[in-house]
Amino acid sequence: QVQLVESGGGLVQPGGSLTLSCTVSGLTLDYYAIGWFRQAPGKEREGVSCISSSDQITHYTSSGKARFTLSRDKAKNTVYLQINSLKPEDTAVYSCAAPYDRDCPGARATTWRSHAYWGQGTQVTVPS
């Protein structure tokens, strides 16, 4: 059984940093990319960043390259998303997903909807 479990969310003051974890069981990250998405209240889900099985990183947002850092610990089968300089607009539920692909599909690719495993998400709140 494949499971993705996110952790590390919480309440962080503007300007602070946070590291989210996505721990995967039931599949090995040697063969799967892992993507991070977020959904703010009343908004559509948007892609944040993705790391391929060969550690190629794709940032799906314009601010991602500057503020989001993705890394992976293969021994722990865990992917980390570090978010720096947090802003109130970063408030959202952050979820990780493993597509049936070693490479990162586009943020809007149907793969994410139809051929991917998803975690339950973790809440990140940055007060204004």
Foldseek 3Di string as FASTA:
>chain_A
DKAWAKDWADEDEAQAKTKIKIFIPDDALLWWKKWKWWDDPPDDIWTAKIAFSVGDIDGQDPCNVVFWDWDDDRVRNMIMIMGGRDDQVVWTWMKMKIFNGRDDDHGPDCSRVPGIDIHPTDTHGYDD
